[in-house]
Amino acid sequence: MNEFENDVIEIIDEDGEKYKVQLIDIITFEDVEYALLLPVDSEEDDDEDDYILMKVKKDGDEYSFETID
């Protein structure tokens, strides 16, 4: 189990807008870590969950997320 699993964090997109997301899990694939995120304050009213997958970048004790090319 990951120490960050199910944490709610705030991310900022390239336009400077802030979003709260739940960190569902961090997985490793081919020596690269990826975060599975779920928006928690979505304004959409539908039954489907829109997950976000982002690359995890670690710099010391700081973590950041990058879009996947």
C-alpha atoms as a PDB file:
ATOM      1  CA  MET A   1       0.000   0.000   0.000  1.00  0.00           C
ATOM      2  CA  ASN A   2       1.268   3.452  -0.886  1.00  0.00           C
ATOM      3  CA  GLU A   3       1.706   6.035   1.885  1.00  0.00           C
ATOM      4  CA  PHE A   4      -0.077   8.662  -0.248  1.00  0.00           C
ATOM      5  CA  GLU A   5      -3.012   6.512  -1.292  1.00  0.00           C
ATOM      6  CA  ASN A   6      -6.402   8.279  -1.014  1.00  0.00           C
ATOM      7  CA  ASP A   7      -4.880  11.662  -0.090  1.00  0.00           C
ATOM      8  CA  VAL A   8      -6.710  14.713  -1.424  1.00  0.00           C
ATOM      9  CA  ILE A   9      -4.262  17.119  -3.029  1.00  0.00           C
ATOM     10  CA  GLU A  10      -4.462  20.312  -5.039  1.00  0.00           C
ATOM     11  CA  ILE A  11      -2.971  20.502  -8.514  1.00  0.00           C
ATOM     12  CA  ILE A  12      -2.545  23.517 -10.778  1.00  0.00           C
ATOM     13  CA  ASP A  13      -2.974  23.148 -14.532  1.00  0.00           C
ATOM     14  CA  GLU A  14      -1.027  24.947 -17.258  1.00  0.00           C
ATOM     15  CA  ASP A  15      -3.602  27.785 -17.194  1.00  0.00           C
ATOM     16  CA  GLY A  16      -3.078  28.370 -13.464  1.00  0.00           C
ATOM     17  CA  GLU A  17      -6.429  26.905 -12.425  1.00  0.00           C
ATOM     18  CA  LYS A  18      -6.470  24.866  -9.201  1.00  0.00           C
ATOM     19  CA  TYR A  19      -8.193  21.499  -8.853  1.00  0.00           C
ATOM     20  CA  LYS A  20      -8.619  19.150  -5.919  1.00  0.00           C
ATOM     21  CA  VAL A  21      -8.006  15.511  -6.741  1.00  0.00           C
ATOM     22  CA  GLN A  22      -7.873  12.306  -4.780  1.00  0.00           C
ATOM     23  CA  LEU A  23      -4.644  10.365  -5.191  1.00  0.00           C
ATOM     24  CA  ILE A  24      -5.915   6.850  -5.785  1.00  0.00           C
ATOM     25  CA  ASP A  25      -2.582   5.110  -6.340  1.00  0.00           C
ATOM     26  CA  ILE A  26       0.957   5.468  -7.629  1.00  0.00           C
ATOM     27  CA  ILE A  27       2.082   2.726  -9.984  1.00  0.00           C
ATOM     28  CA  THR A  28       5.429   1.997 -11.618  1.00  0.00           C
ATOM     29  CA  PHE A  29       5.704   0.973 -15.249  1.00  0.00           C
ATOM     30  CA  GLU A  30       9.057   0.548 -16.972  1.00  0.00           C
ATOM     31  CA  ASP A  31      10.848   2.362 -14.100  1.00  0.00           C
ATOM     32  CA  VAL A  32       8.561   5.425 -14.345  1.00  0.00           C
ATOM     33  CA  GLU A  33       6.023   6.306 -11.634  1.00  0.00           C
ATOM     34  CA  TYR A  34       2.488   7.348 -12.568  1.00  0.00           C
ATOM     35  CA  ALA A  35      -0.264   8.758 -10.362  1.00  0.00           C
ATOM     36  CA  LEU A  36      -3.905   7.775 -10.756  1.00  0.00           C
ATOM     37  CA  LEU A  37      -6.001  10.800  -9.753  1.00  0.00           C
ATOM     38  CA  LEU A  38      -9.738  11.369  -9.364  1.00  0.00           C
ATOM     39  CA  PRO A  39     -11.209  14.904  -9.324  1.00  0.00           C
ATOM     40  CA  VAL A  40     -13.153  15.484  -6.083  1.00  0.00           C
ATOM     41  CA  ASP A  41     -14.842  18.788  -6.870  1.00  0.00           C
ATOM     42  CA  SER A  42     -16.109  17.987 -10.339  1.00  0.00           C
ATOM     43  CA  GLU A  43     -19.007  20.175 -11.480  1.00  0.00           C
ATOM     44  CA  GLU A  44     -20.197  17.554 -13.952  1.00  0.00           C
ATOM     45  CA  ASP A  45     -23.290  15.667 -12.856  1.00  0.00           C
ATOM     46  CA  ASP A  46     -22.878  12.253 -14.447  1.00  0.00           C
ATOM     47  CA  ASP A  47     -22.437   8.711 -13.255  1.00  0.00           C
ATOM     48  CA  GLU A  48     -18.985   8.254 -14.796  1.00  0.00           C
ATOM     49  CA  ASP A  49     -15.747   8.994 -12.979  1.00  0.00           C
ATOM     50  CA  ASP A  50     -13.061  10.716 -15.043  1.00  0.00           C
ATOM     51  CA  TYR A  51      -9.694   9.491 -13.850  1.00  0.00           C
ATOM     52  CA  ILE A  52      -6.483  11.360 -14.618  1.00  0.00           C
ATOM     53  CA  LEU A  53      -3.145   9.610 -15.165  1.00  0.00           C
ATOM     54  CA  MET A  54      -0.022  11.742 -14.725  1.00  0.00           C
ATOM     55  CA  LYS A  55       3.709  11.111 -14.520  1.00  0.00           C
ATOM     56  CA  VAL A  56       5.191  11.593 -11.034  1.00  0.00           C
ATOM     57  CA  LYS A  57       8.379  13.606 -10.695  1.00  0.00           C
ATOM     58  CA  LYS A  58      10.230  13.619  -7.375  1.00  0.00           C
ATOM     59  CA  ASP A  59      12.750  16.285  -6.399  1.00  0.00           C
ATOM     60  CA  GLY A  60      14.030  15.585  -2.884  1.00  0.00           C
ATOM     61  CA  ASP A  61      10.950  15.519  -0.653  1.00  0.00           C
ATOM     62  CA  GLU A  62       8.833  17.405  -3.203  1.00  0.00           C
ATOM     63  CA  TYR A  63       6.518  15.711  -5.690  1.00  0.00           C
ATOM     64  CA  SER A  64       5.106  17.164  -8.887  1.00  0.00           C
ATOM     65  CA  PHE A  65       2.939  15.788 -11.671  1.00  0.00           C
ATOM     66  CA  GLU A  66       3.510  16.067 -15.399  1.00  0.00           C
ATOM     67  CA  THR A  67       1.252  15.315 -18.320  1.00  0.00           C
ATOM     68  CA  ILE A  68       2.121  12.228 -20.297  1.00  0.00           C
ATOM     69  CA  ASP A  69       3.393  12.808 -23.830  1.00  0.00           C
END
